[in-house]
Amino acid sequence: MDRAEKILSDMGESASGTKDSMFSALGAMSGAMAGAWKDDILQSSMLTYGIASYEIALYESLIALAGPAGAPQAKGLLEESLSEERAMADWLHEHLKPTLDRYLQLTAEGKKAAH
């Protein structure tokens, strides 16, 4: 968030409170929806992995657009964020199958496998 605000500030822009509020509400709503599902652990795991993939595509796009948008100085900050998102996506991918396996194990034992 700090990097995004710096890039916007360098371009003479500011973060949109409306967009921030909308994304906060979306995050809360998706969490509430997943919490209502019997398999919320699975749904949350897949949803989080999907969001990480979206964010990777977003940063790749912003990096490609930085030069044409007249903000080549933003590339370094965007590349830092892209690197972090890729690391998170890798971690989520690495832990997805063990999470699924544990869910199946607990469910088969008749134990609660949810938040």
PDB file of N, CA and C in Angstrom:
ATOM      1  N   MET A   1       0.830  -1.176   0.000  1.00  0.00           N
ATOM      2  CA  MET A   1       0.000   0.000   0.000  1.00  0.00           C
ATOM      3  C   MET A   1       0.882   1.251   0.000  1.00  0.00           C
ATOM      4  N   ASP A   2       1.949   1.220   0.797  1.00  0.00           N
ATOM      5  CA  ASP A   2       2.848   2.373   0.839  1.00  0.00           C
ATOM      6  C   ASP A   2       3.476   2.637  -0.532  1.00  0.00           C
ATOM      7  N   ARG A   3       3.831   1.548  -1.227  1.00  0.00           N
ATOM      8  CA  ARG A   3       4.432   1.718  -2.551  1.00  0.00           C
ATOM      9  C   ARG A   3       3.433   2.338  -3.522  1.00  0.00           C
ATOM     10  N   ALA A   4       2.203   1.838  -3.496  1.00  0.00           N
ATOM     11  CA  ALA A   4       1.169   2.371  -4.390  1.00  0.00           C
ATOM     12  C   ALA A   4       0.919   3.849  -4.103  1.00  0.00           C
ATOM     13  N   GLU A   5       0.863   4.200  -2.819  1.00  0.00           N
ATOM     14  CA  GLU A   5       0.651   5.602  -2.467  1.00  0.00           C
ATOM     15  C   GLU A   5       1.819   6.471  -2.921  1.00  0.00           C
ATOM     16  N   LYS A   6       3.046   5.955  -2.835  1.00  0.00           N
ATOM     17  CA  LYS A   6       4.223   6.709  -3.292  1.00  0.00           C
ATOM     18  C   LYS A   6       4.150   6.933  -4.793  1.00  0.00           C
ATOM     19  N   ILE A   7       3.796   5.890  -5.534  1.00  0.00           N
ATOM     20  CA  ILE A   7       3.698   6.025  -6.989  1.00  0.00           C
ATOM     21  C   ILE A   7       2.642   7.072  -7.348  1.00  0.00           C
ATOM     22  N   LEU A   8       1.487   6.982  -6.711  1.00  0.00           N
ATOM     23  CA  LEU A   8       0.420   7.951  -6.982  1.00  0.00           C
ATOM     24  C   LEU A   8       0.860   9.373  -6.622  1.00  0.00           C
ATOM     25  N   SER A   9       1.505   9.502  -5.490  1.00  0.00           N
ATOM     26  CA  SER A   9       1.980  10.814  -5.050  1.00  0.00           C
ATOM     27  C   SER A   9       2.986  11.395  -6.044  1.00  0.00           C
ATOM     28  N   ASP A  10       3.911  10.545  -6.515  1.00  0.00           N
ATOM     29  CA  ASP A  10       4.905  10.990  -7.493  1.00  0.00           C
ATOM     30  C   ASP A  10       4.255  11.459  -8.795  1.00  0.00           C
ATOM     31  N   MET A  11       3.060  10.928  -9.075  1.00  0.00           N
ATOM     32  CA  MET A  11       2.343  11.300 -10.296  1.00  0.00           C
ATOM     33  C   MET A  11       1.361  12.451 -10.049  1.00  0.00           C
ATOM     34  N   GLY A  12       1.350  12.960  -8.801  1.00  0.00           N
ATOM     35  CA  GLY A  12       0.447  14.056  -8.481  1.00  0.00           C
ATOM     36  C   GLY A  12      -0.983  13.609  -8.239  1.00  0.00           C
ATOM     37  N   GLU A  13      -1.157  12.343  -7.922  1.00  0.00           N
ATOM     38  CA  GLU A  13      -2.486  11.780  -7.670  1.00  0.00           C
ATOM     39  C   GLU A  13      -2.574  11.330  -6.225  1.00  0.00           C
ATOM     40  N   SER A  14      -3.781  10.971  -5.800  1.00  0.00           N
ATOM     41  CA  SER A  14      -3.961  10.415  -4.457  1.00  0.00           C
ATOM     42  C   SER A  14      -4.828   9.175  -4.551  1.00  0.00           C
ATOM     43  N   ALA A  15      -4.728   8.338  -3.522  1.00  0.00           N
ATOM     44  CA  ALA A  15      -5.524   7.107  -3.482  1.00  0.00           C
ATOM     45  C   ALA A  15      -6.996   7.467  -3.380  1.00  0.00           C
ATOM     46  N   SER A  16      -7.816   6.661  -4.012  1.00  0.00           N
ATOM     47  CA  SER A  16      -9.261   6.896  -3.983  1.00  0.00           C
ATOM     48  C   SER A  16      -9.861   6.229  -2.753  1.00  0.00           C
ATOM     49  N   GLY A  17     -10.447   7.020  -1.881  1.00  0.00           N
ATOM     50  CA  GLY A  17     -11.126   6.484  -0.700  1.00  0.00           C
ATOM     51  C   GLY A  17     -12.275   5.581  -1.077  1.00  0.00           C
ATOM     52  N   THR A  18     -12.955   5.900  -2.166  1.00  0.00           N
ATOM     53  CA  THR A  18     -14.076   5.075  -2.628  1.00  0.00           C
ATOM     54  C   THR A  18     -13.587   3.692  -3.016  1.00  0.00           C
ATOM     55  N   LYS A  19     -12.496   3.626  -3.792  1.00  0.00           N
ATOM     56  CA  LYS A  19     -11.953   2.336  -4.203  1.00  0.00           C
ATOM     57  C   LYS A  19     -11.481   1.545  -2.987  1.00  0.00           C
ATOM     58  N   ASP A  20     -10.790   2.207  -2.067  1.00  0.00           N
ATOM     59  CA  ASP A  20     -10.326   1.532  -0.858  1.00  0.00           C
ATOM     60  C   ASP A  20     -11.497   0.946  -0.084  1.00  0.00           C
ATOM     61  N   SER A  21     -12.548   1.726   0.072  1.00  0.00           N
ATOM     62  CA  SER A  21     -13.735   1.261   0.799  1.00  0.00           C
ATOM     63  C   SER A  21     -14.390   0.094   0.092  1.00  0.00           C
ATOM     64  N   MET A  22     -14.459   0.173  -1.237  1.00  0.00           N
ATOM     65  CA  MET A  22     -15.084  -0.895  -2.012  1.00  0.00           C
ATOM     66  C   MET A  22     -14.303  -2.190  -1.864  1.00  0.00           C
ATOM     67  N   PHE A  23     -12.976  -2.121  -1.959  1.00  0.00           N
ATOM     68  CA  PHE A  23     -12.170  -3.336  -1.834  1.00  0.00           C
ATOM     69  C   PHE A  23     -12.223  -3.895  -0.413  1.00  0.00           C
ATOM     70  N   SER A  24     -12.287  -3.049   0.588  1.00  0.00           N
ATOM     71  CA  SER A  24     -12.434  -3.517   1.969  1.00  0.00           C
ATOM     72  C   SER A  24     -13.756  -4.242   2.146  1.00  0.00           C
ATOM     73  N   ALA A  25     -14.814  -3.672   1.594  1.00  0.00           N
ATOM     74  CA  ALA A  25     -16.134  -4.303   1.689  1.00  0.00           C
ATOM     75  C   ALA A  25     -16.156  -5.629   0.944  1.00  0.00           C
ATOM     76  N   LEU A  26     -15.522  -5.670  -0.221  1.00  0.00           N
ATOM     77  CA  LEU A  26     -15.456  -6.903  -0.999  1.00  0.00           C
ATOM     78  C   LEU A  26     -14.724  -7.989  -0.215  1.00  0.00           C
ATOM     79  N   GLY A  27     -13.607  -7.632   0.410  1.00  0.00           N
ATOM     80  CA  GLY A  27     -12.861  -8.600   1.210  1.00  0.00           C
ATOM     81  C   GLY A  27     -13.675  -9.124   2.376  1.00  0.00           C
ATOM     82  N   ALA A  28     -14.370  -8.239   3.061  1.00  0.00           N
ATOM     83  CA  ALA A  28     -15.205  -8.654   4.196  1.00  0.00           C
ATOM     84  C   ALA A  28     -16.345  -9.541   3.731  1.00  0.00           C
ATOM     85  N   MET A  29     -16.944  -9.185   2.595  1.00  0.00           N
ATOM     86  CA  MET A  29     -18.065  -9.958   2.080  1.00  0.00           C
ATOM     87  C   MET A  29     -17.621 -11.351   1.651  1.00  0.00           C
ATOM     88  N   SER A  30     -16.472 -11.463   0.984  1.00  0.00           N
ATOM     89  CA  SER A  30     -16.005 -12.778   0.558  1.00  0.00           C
ATOM     90  C   SER A  30     -15.661 -13.644   1.765  1.00  0.00           C
ATOM     91  N   GLY A  31     -15.099 -13.034   2.810  1.00  0.00           N
ATOM     92  CA  GLY A  31     -14.818 -13.781   4.038  1.00  0.00           C
ATOM     93  C   GLY A  31     -16.084 -14.258   4.716  1.00  0.00           C
ATOM     94  N   ALA A  32     -17.095 -13.401   4.744  1.00  0.00           N
ATOM     95  CA  ALA A  32     -18.373 -13.780   5.357  1.00  0.00           C
ATOM     96  C   ALA A  32     -19.049 -14.885   4.565  1.00  0.00           C
ATOM     97  N   MET A  33     -18.977 -14.805   3.234  1.00  0.00           N
ATOM     98  CA  MET A  33     -19.585 -15.844   2.405  1.00  0.00           C
ATOM     99  C   MET A  33     -18.889 -17.176   2.624  1.00  0.00           C
ATOM    100  N   ALA A  34     -17.566 -17.167   2.611  1.00  0.00           N
ATOM    101  CA  ALA A  34     -16.822 -18.419   2.789  1.00  0.00           C
ATOM    102  C   ALA A  34     -17.093 -19.017   4.160  1.00  0.00           C
ATOM    103  N   GLY A  35     -17.251 -18.180   5.176  1.00  0.00           N
ATOM    104  CA  GLY A  35     -17.507 -18.662   6.526  1.00  0.00           C
ATOM    105  C   GLY A  35     -18.837 -19.376   6.655  1.00  0.00           C
ATOM    106  N   ALA A  36     -19.761 -19.109   5.758  1.00  0.00           N
ATOM    107  CA  ALA A  36     -21.079 -19.743   5.807  1.00  0.00           C
ATOM    108  C   ALA A  36     -21.086 -21.108   5.121  1.00  0.00           C
ATOM    109  N   TRP A  37     -20.061 -21.436   4.376  1.00  0.00           N
ATOM    110  CA  TRP A  37     -20.017 -22.699   3.654  1.00  0.00           C
ATOM    111  C   TRP A  37     -19.467 -23.807   4.543  1.00  0.00           C
ATOM    112  N   LYS A  38     -19.973 -25.008   4.318  1.00  0.00           N
ATOM    113  CA  LYS A  38     -19.513 -26.168   5.078  1.00  0.00           C
ATOM    114  C   LYS A  38     -18.014 -26.419   4.835  1.00  0.00           C
ATOM    115  N   ASP A  39     -17.581 -26.155   3.629  1.00  0.00           N
ATOM    116  CA  ASP A  39     -16.176 -26.366   3.259  1.00  0.00           C
ATOM    117  C   ASP A  39     -15.426 -25.036   3.166  1.00  0.00           C
ATOM    118  N   ASP A  40     -15.658 -24.168   4.154  1.00  0.00           N
ATOM    119  CA  ASP A  40     -15.072 -22.827   4.108  1.00  0.00           C
ATOM    120  C   ASP A  40     -13.553 -22.829   4.013  1.00  0.00           C
ATOM    121  N   ILE A  41     -12.906 -23.811   4.607  1.00  0.00           N
ATOM    122  CA  ILE A  41     -11.441 -23.892   4.534  1.00  0.00           C
ATOM    123  C   ILE A  41     -11.011 -24.066   3.077  1.00  0.00           C
ATOM    124  N   LEU A  42     -11.682 -24.959   2.370  1.00  0.00           N
ATOM    125  CA  LEU A  42     -11.343 -25.185   0.964  1.00  0.00           C
ATOM    126  C   LEU A  42     -11.656 -23.949   0.124  1.00  0.00           C
ATOM    127  N   GLN A  43     -12.829 -23.384   0.326  1.00  0.00           N
ATOM    128  CA  GLN A  43     -13.226 -22.208  -0.445  1.00  0.00           C
ATOM    129  C   GLN A  43     -12.277 -21.033  -0.184  1.00  0.00           C
ATOM    130  N   SER A  44     -11.930 -20.815   1.074  1.00  0.00           N
ATOM    131  CA  SER A  44     -11.018 -19.716   1.420  1.00  0.00           C
ATOM    132  C   SER A  44      -9.638 -19.934   0.808  1.00  0.00           C
ATOM    133  N   SER A  45      -9.166 -21.170   0.836  1.00  0.00           N
ATOM    134  CA  SER A  45      -7.854 -21.480   0.267  1.00  0.00           C
ATOM    135  C   SER A  45      -7.834 -21.207  -1.227  1.00  0.00           C
ATOM    136  N   MET A  46      -8.863 -21.651  -1.927  1.00  0.00           N
ATOM    137  CA  MET A  46      -8.916 -21.435  -3.375  1.00  0.00           C
ATOM    138  C   MET A  46      -9.133 -19.965  -3.713  1.00  0.00           C
ATOM    139  N   LEU A  47      -9.968 -19.296  -2.947  1.00  0.00           N
ATOM    140  CA  LEU A  47     -10.225 -17.873  -3.170  1.00  0.00           C
ATOM    141  C   LEU A  47      -8.948 -17.055  -2.972  1.00  0.00           C
ATOM    142  N   THR A  48      -8.201 -17.350  -1.928  1.00  0.00           N
ATOM    143  CA  THR A  48      -6.963 -16.627  -1.650  1.00  0.00           C
ATOM    144  C   THR A  48      -5.933 -16.863  -2.751  1.00  0.00           C
ATOM    145  N   TYR A  49      -5.843 -18.103  -3.239  1.00  0.00           N
ATOM    146  CA  TYR A  49      -4.919 -18.411  -4.332  1.00  0.00           C
ATOM    147  C   TYR A  49      -5.331 -17.655  -5.596  1.00  0.00           C
ATOM    148  N   GLY A  50      -6.630 -17.590  -5.856  1.00  0.00           N
ATOM    149  CA  GLY A  50      -7.124 -16.855  -7.016  1.00  0.00           C
ATOM    150  C   GLY A  50      -6.819 -15.369  -6.929  1.00  0.00           C
ATOM    151  N   ILE A  51      -6.987 -14.805  -5.748  1.00  0.00           N
ATOM    152  CA  ILE A  51      -6.683 -13.382  -5.554  1.00  0.00           C
ATOM    153  C   ILE A  51      -5.199 -13.111  -5.769  1.00  0.00           C
ATOM    154  N   ALA A  52      -4.353 -14.005  -5.276  1.00  0.00           N
ATOM    155  CA  ALA A  52      -2.908 -13.833  -5.481  1.00  0.00           C
ATOM    156  C   ALA A  52      -2.570 -13.865  -6.973  1.00  0.00           C
ATOM    157  N   SER A  53      -3.212 -14.746  -7.720  1.00  0.00           N
ATOM    158  CA  SER A  53      -2.980 -14.822  -9.163  1.00  0.00           C
ATOM    159  C   SER A  53      -3.437 -13.539  -9.854  1.00  0.00           C
ATOM    160  N   TYR A  54      -4.567 -13.018  -9.421  1.00  0.00           N
ATOM    161  CA  TYR A  54      -5.069 -11.747  -9.962  1.00  0.00           C
ATOM    162  C   TYR A  54      -4.069 -10.627  -9.688  1.00  0.00           C
ATOM    163  N   GLU A  55      -3.540 -10.574  -8.477  1.00  0.00           N
ATOM    164  CA  GLU A  55      -2.605  -9.511  -8.120  1.00  0.00           C
ATOM    165  C   GLU A  55      -1.314  -9.608  -8.915  1.00  0.00           C
ATOM    166  N   ILE A  56      -0.872 -10.824  -9.225  1.00  0.00           N
ATOM    167  CA  ILE A  56       0.312 -10.993 -10.079  1.00  0.00           C
ATOM    168  C   ILE A  56       0.037 -10.397 -11.452  1.00  0.00           C
ATOM    169  N   ALA A  57      -1.108 -10.720 -12.024  1.00  0.00           N
ATOM    170  CA  ALA A  57      -1.466 -10.167 -13.335  1.00  0.00           C
ATOM    171  C   ALA A  57      -1.581  -8.646 -13.276  1.00  0.00           C
ATOM    172  N   LEU A  58      -2.118  -8.136 -12.176  1.00  0.00           N
ATOM    173  CA  LEU A  58      -2.243  -6.684 -12.002  1.00  0.00           C
ATOM    174  C   LEU A  58      -0.872  -6.017 -12.007  1.00  0.00           C
ATOM    175  N   TYR A  59       0.064  -6.527 -11.209  1.00  0.00           N
ATOM    176  CA  TYR A  59       1.389  -5.910 -11.142  1.00  0.00           C
ATOM    177  C   TYR A  59       2.139  -6.056 -12.464  1.00  0.00           C
ATOM    178  N   GLU A  60       1.998  -7.192 -13.139  1.00  0.00           N
ATOM    179  CA  GLU A  60       2.637  -7.342 -14.442  1.00  0.00           C
ATOM    180  C   GLU A  60       2.099  -6.298 -15.425  1.00  0.00           C
ATOM    181  N   SER A  61       0.793  -6.065 -15.371  1.00  0.00           N
ATOM    182  CA  SER A  61       0.171  -5.065 -16.244  1.00  0.00           C
ATOM    183  C   SER A  61       0.643  -3.656 -15.903  1.00  0.00           C
ATOM    184  N   LEU A  62       0.695  -3.339 -14.610  1.00  0.00           N
ATOM    185  CA  LEU A  62       1.138  -2.008 -14.198  1.00  0.00           C
ATOM    186  C   LEU A  62       2.586  -1.755 -14.595  1.00  0.00           C
ATOM    187  N   ILE A  63       3.425  -2.779 -14.492  1.00  0.00           N
ATOM    188  CA  ILE A  63       4.830  -2.642 -14.906  1.00  0.00           C
ATOM    189  C   ILE A  63       4.899  -2.354 -16.399  1.00  0.00           C
ATOM    190  N   ALA A  64       4.099  -3.070 -17.189  1.00  0.00           N
ATOM    191  CA  ALA A  64       4.093  -2.859 -18.636  1.00  0.00           C
ATOM    192  C   ALA A  64       3.571  -1.471 -18.995  1.00  0.00           C
ATOM    193  N   LEU A  65       2.662  -0.943 -18.193  1.00  0.00           N
ATOM    194  CA  LEU A  65       2.061   0.358 -18.478  1.00  0.00           C
ATOM    195  C   LEU A  65       2.835   1.536 -17.891  1.00  0.00           C
ATOM    196  N   ALA A  66       3.768   1.279 -16.989  1.00  0.00           N
ATOM    197  CA  ALA A  66       4.469   2.365 -16.305  1.00  0.00           C
ATOM    198  C   ALA A  66       5.176   3.310 -17.284  1.00  0.00           C
ATOM    199  N   GLY A  67       5.916   2.750 -18.225  1.00  0.00           N
ATOM    200  CA  GLY A  67       6.623   3.586 -19.201  1.00  0.00           C
ATOM    201  C   GLY A  67       5.672   4.405 -20.056  1.00  0.00           C
ATOM    202  N   PRO A  68       4.718   3.757 -20.732  1.00  0.00           N
ATOM    203  CA  PRO A  68       3.773   4.520 -21.553  1.00  0.00           C
ATOM    204  C   PRO A  68       2.943   5.531 -20.761  1.00  0.00           C
ATOM    205  N   ALA A  69       2.770   5.293 -19.471  1.00  0.00           N
ATOM    206  CA  ALA A  69       1.999   6.226 -18.641  1.00  0.00           C
ATOM    207  C   ALA A  69       2.856   7.390 -18.149  1.00  0.00           C
ATOM    208  N   GLY A  70       4.123   7.376 -18.511  1.00  0.00           N
ATOM    209  CA  GLY A  70       4.999   8.465 -18.088  1.00  0.00           C
ATOM    210  C   GLY A  70       5.501   8.313 -16.663  1.00  0.00           C
ATOM    211  N   ALA A  71       5.523   7.077 -16.150  1.00  0.00           N
ATOM    212  CA  ALA A  71       5.982   6.838 -14.779  1.00  0.00           C
ATOM    213  C   ALA A  71       6.994   5.696 -14.734  1.00  0.00           C
ATOM    214  N   PRO A  72       8.069   5.794 -15.522  1.00  0.00           N
ATOM    215  CA  PRO A  72       9.042   4.695 -15.522  1.00  0.00           C
ATOM    216  C   PRO A  72       9.685   4.473 -14.154  1.00  0.00           C
ATOM    217  N   GLN A  73       9.716   5.519 -13.309  1.00  0.00           N
ATOM    218  CA  GLN A  73      10.289   5.383 -11.974  1.00  0.00           C
ATOM    219  C   GLN A  73       9.463   4.451 -11.093  1.00  0.00           C
ATOM    220  N   ALA A  74       8.228   4.181 -11.463  1.00  0.00           N
ATOM    221  CA  ALA A  74       7.351   3.308 -10.667  1.00  0.00           C
ATOM    222  C   ALA A  74       7.702   1.837 -10.844  1.00  0.00           C
ATOM    223  N   LYS A  75       8.407   1.508 -11.918  1.00  0.00           N
ATOM    224  CA  LYS A  75       8.687   0.098 -12.208  1.00  0.00           C
ATOM    225  C   LYS A  75       9.380  -0.632 -11.062  1.00  0.00           C
ATOM    226  N   GLY A  76      10.355  -0.013 -10.437  1.00  0.00           N
ATOM    227  CA  GLY A  76      11.091  -0.668  -9.349  1.00  0.00           C
ATOM    228  C   GLY A  76      10.190  -1.018  -8.184  1.00  0.00           C
ATOM    229  N   LEU A  77       9.342  -0.082  -7.784  1.00  0.00           N
ATOM    230  CA  LEU A  77       8.413  -0.339  -6.676  1.00  0.00           C
ATOM    231  C   LEU A  77       7.400  -1.411  -7.052  1.00  0.00           C
ATOM    232  N   LEU A  78       6.910  -1.355  -8.282  1.00  0.00           N
ATOM    233  CA  LEU A  78       5.944  -2.361  -8.739  1.00  0.00           C
ATOM    234  C   LEU A  78       6.593  -3.748  -8.811  1.00  0.00           C
ATOM    235  N   GLU A  79       7.844  -3.798  -9.233  1.00  0.00           N
ATOM    236  CA  GLU A  79       8.552  -5.082  -9.309  1.00  0.00           C
ATOM    237  C   GLU A  79       8.761  -5.678  -7.914  1.00  0.00           C
ATOM    238  N   GLU A  80       8.982  -4.827  -6.903  1.00  0.00           N
ATOM    239  CA  GLU A  80       9.077  -5.330  -5.523  1.00  0.00           C
ATOM    240  C   GLU A  80       7.763  -5.988  -5.116  1.00  0.00           C
ATOM    241  N   SER A  81       6.664  -5.319  -5.388  1.00  0.00           N
ATOM    242  CA  SER A  81       5.353  -5.861  -5.030  1.00  0.00           C
ATOM    243  C   SER A  81       5.068  -7.138  -5.814  1.00  0.00           C
ATOM    244  N   LEU A  82       5.422  -7.158  -7.092  1.00  0.00           N
ATOM    245  CA  LEU A  82       5.228  -8.354  -7.909  1.00  0.00           C
ATOM    246  C   LEU A  82       6.001  -9.534  -7.333  1.00  0.00           C
ATOM    247  N   SER A  83       7.223  -9.291  -6.923  1.00  0.00           N
ATOM    248  CA  SER A  83       8.039 -10.354  -6.333  1.00  0.00           C
ATOM    249  C   SER A  83       7.382 -10.921  -5.071  1.00  0.00           C
ATOM    250  N   GLU A  84       6.857 -10.035  -4.234  1.00  0.00           N
ATOM    251  CA  GLU A  84       6.184 -10.482  -3.006  1.00  0.00           C
ATOM    252  C   GLU A  84       4.912 -11.269  -3.329  1.00  0.00           C
ATOM    253  N   GLU A  85       4.161 -10.817  -4.325  1.00  0.00           N
ATOM    254  CA  GLU A  85       2.934 -11.529  -4.697  1.00  0.00           C
ATOM    255  C   GLU A  85       3.249 -12.904  -5.269  1.00  0.00           C
ATOM    256  N   ARG A  86       4.298 -12.987  -6.058  1.00  0.00           N
ATOM    257  CA  ARG A  86       4.699 -14.300  -6.601  1.00  0.00           C
ATOM    258  C   ARG A  86       5.113 -15.242  -5.472  1.00  0.00           C
ATOM    259  N   ALA A  87       5.838 -14.723  -4.495  1.00  0.00           N
ATOM    260  CA  ALA A  87       6.250 -15.546  -3.355  1.00  0.00           C
ATOM    261  C   ALA A  87       5.020 -16.037  -2.580  1.00  0.00           C
ATOM    262  N   MET A  88       4.032 -15.157  -2.392  1.00  0.00           N
ATOM    263  CA  MET A  88       2.822 -15.550  -1.686  1.00  0.00           C
ATOM    264  C   MET A  88       2.050 -16.591  -2.482  1.00  0.00           C
ATOM    265  N   ALA A  89       1.933 -16.398  -3.791  1.00  0.00           N
ATOM    266  CA  ALA A  89       1.230 -17.379  -4.629  1.00  0.00           C
ATOM    267  C   ALA A  89       1.931 -18.732  -4.583  1.00  0.00           C
ATOM    268  N   ASP A  90       3.261 -18.719  -4.607  1.00  0.00           N
ATOM    269  CA  ASP A  90       4.018 -19.979  -4.503  1.00  0.00           C
ATOM    270  C   ASP A  90       3.739 -20.664  -3.175  1.00  0.00           C
ATOM    271  N   TRP A  91       3.721 -19.884  -2.083  1.00  0.00           N
ATOM    272  CA  TRP A  91       3.447 -20.452  -0.760  1.00  0.00           C
ATOM    273  C   TRP A  91       2.035 -21.040  -0.715  1.00  0.00           C
ATOM    274  N   LEU A  92       1.082 -20.287  -1.236  1.00  0.00           N
ATOM    275  CA  LEU A  92      -0.303 -20.774  -1.243  1.00  0.00           C
ATOM    276  C   LEU A  92      -0.426 -22.052  -2.072  1.00  0.00           C
ATOM    277  N   HIS A  93       0.229 -22.077  -3.226  1.00  0.00           N
ATOM    278  CA  HIS A  93       0.187 -23.270  -4.075  1.00  0.00           C
ATOM    279  C   HIS A  93       0.807 -24.464  -3.363  1.00  0.00           C
ATOM    280  N   GLU A  94       1.924 -24.226  -2.707  1.00  0.00           N
ATOM    281  CA  GLU A  94       2.622 -25.284  -1.972  1.00  0.00           C
ATOM    282  C   GLU A  94       1.754 -25.862  -0.854  1.00  0.00           C
ATOM    283  N   HIS A  95       0.940 -25.038  -0.234  1.00  0.00           N
ATOM    284  CA  HIS A  95       0.137 -25.476   0.908  1.00  0.00           C
ATOM    285  C   HIS A  95      -1.297 -25.864   0.552  1.00  0.00           C
ATOM    286  N   LEU A  96      -1.683 -25.694  -0.710  1.00  0.00           N
ATOM    287  CA  LEU A  96      -3.058 -26.009  -1.085  1.00  0.00           C
ATOM    288  C   LEU A  96      -3.363 -27.498  -0.946  1.00  0.00           C
ATOM    289  N   LYS A  97      -2.530 -28.364  -1.513  1.00  0.00           N
ATOM    290  CA  LYS A  97      -2.802 -29.808  -1.432  1.00  0.00           C
ATOM    291  C   LYS A  97      -2.754 -30.312   0.007  1.00  0.00           C
ATOM    292  N   PRO A  98      -1.768 -29.929   0.819  1.00  0.00           N
ATOM    293  CA  PRO A  98      -1.811 -30.379   2.220  1.00  0.00           C
ATOM    294  C   PRO A  98      -3.072 -29.902   2.953  1.00  0.00           C
ATOM    295  N   THR A  99      -3.550 -28.712   2.618  1.00  0.00           N
ATOM    296  CA  THR A  99      -4.788 -28.224   3.234  1.00  0.00           C
ATOM    297  C   THR A  99      -5.964 -29.092   2.811  1.00  0.00           C
ATOM    298  N   LEU A 100      -6.030 -29.415   1.528  1.00  0.00           N
ATOM    299  CA  LEU A 100      -7.100 -30.279   1.033  1.00  0.00           C
ATOM    300  C   LEU A 100      -7.026 -31.660   1.676  1.00  0.00           C
ATOM    301  N   ASP A 101      -5.820 -32.207   1.760  1.00  0.00           N
ATOM    302  CA  ASP A 101      -5.638 -33.531   2.378  1.00  0.00           C
ATOM    303  C   ASP A 101      -6.084 -33.520   3.843  1.00  0.00           C
ATOM    304  N   ARG A 102      -5.712 -32.488   4.569  1.00  0.00           N
ATOM    305  CA  ARG A 102      -6.093 -32.386   5.988  1.00  0.00           C
ATOM    306  C   ARG A 102      -7.603 -32.241   6.126  1.00  0.00           C
ATOM    307  N   TYR A 103      -8.214 -31.467   5.255  1.00  0.00           N
ATOM    308  CA  TYR A 103      -9.668 -31.309   5.262  1.00  0.00           C
ATOM    309  C   TYR A 103     -10.344 -32.677   5.069  1.00  0.00           C
ATOM    310  N   LEU A 104      -9.883 -33.418   4.072  1.00  0.00           N
ATOM    311  CA  LEU A 104     -10.460 -34.746   3.813  1.00  0.00           C
ATOM    312  C   LEU A 104     -10.273 -35.681   5.000  1.00  0.00           C
ATOM    313  N   GLN A 105      -9.101 -35.627   5.617  1.00  0.00           N
ATOM    314  CA  GLN A 105      -8.826 -36.471   6.774  1.00  0.00           C
ATOM    315  C   GLN A 105      -9.783 -36.150   7.919  1.00  0.00           C
ATOM    316  N   LEU A 106      -9.898 -34.885   8.261  1.00  0.00           N
ATOM    317  CA  LEU A 106     -10.782 -34.485   9.357  1.00  0.00           C
ATOM    318  C   LEU A 106     -12.242 -34.820   9.054  1.00  0.00           C
ATOM    319  N   THR A 107     -12.646 -34.572   7.825  1.00  0.00           N
ATOM    320  CA  THR A 107     -14.023 -34.873   7.436  1.00  0.00           C
ATOM    321  C   THR A 107     -14.290 -36.370   7.540  1.00  0.00           C
ATOM    322  N   ALA A 108     -13.353 -37.183   7.086  1.00  0.00           N
ATOM    323  CA  ALA A 108     -13.512 -38.645   7.133  1.00  0.00           C
ATOM    324  C   ALA A 108     -13.594 -39.137   8.579  1.00  0.00           C
ATOM    325  N   GLU A 109     -12.931 -38.443   9.496  1.00  0.00           N
ATOM    326  CA  GLU A 109     -12.951 -38.814  10.910  1.00  0.00           C
ATOM    327  C   GLU A 109     -14.170 -38.242  11.624  1.00  0.00           C
ATOM    328  N   GLY A 110     -15.019 -37.513  10.888  1.00  0.00           N
ATOM    329  CA  GLY A 110     -16.209 -36.924  11.482  1.00  0.00           C
ATOM    330  C   GLY A 110     -15.922 -35.697  12.338  1.00  0.00           C
ATOM    331  N   LYS A 111     -14.761 -35.111  12.152  1.00  0.00           N
ATOM    332  CA  LYS A 111     -14.382 -33.918  12.913  1.00  0.00           C
ATOM    333  C   LYS A 111     -14.705 -32.660  12.117  1.00  0.00           C
ATOM    334  N   LYS A 112     -14.841 -31.559  12.823  1.00  0.00           N
ATOM    335  CA  LYS A 112     -15.107 -30.289  12.170  1.00  0.00           C
ATOM    336  C   LYS A 112     -13.849 -29.836  11.443  1.00  0.00           C
ATOM    337  N   ALA A 113     -14.033 -29.495  10.174  1.00  0.00           N
ATOM    338  CA  ALA A 113     -12.916 -29.040   9.347  1.00  0.00           C
ATOM    339  C   ALA A 113     -13.266 -27.675   8.781  1.00  0.00           C
ATOM    340  N   ALA A 114     -13.507 -26.728   9.670  1.00  0.00           N
ATOM    341  CA  ALA A 114     -13.904 -25.386   9.248  1.00  0.00           C
ATOM    342  C   ALA A 114     -13.379 -24.372  10.271  1.00  0.00           C
ATOM    343  N   HIS A 115     -13.524 -23.108   9.926  1.00  0.00           N
ATOM    344  CA  HIS A 115     -13.108 -22.036  10.841  1.00  0.00           C
ATOM    345  C   HIS A 115     -13.961 -22.016  12.077  1.00  0.00           C
TER     346      HIS A 115
END
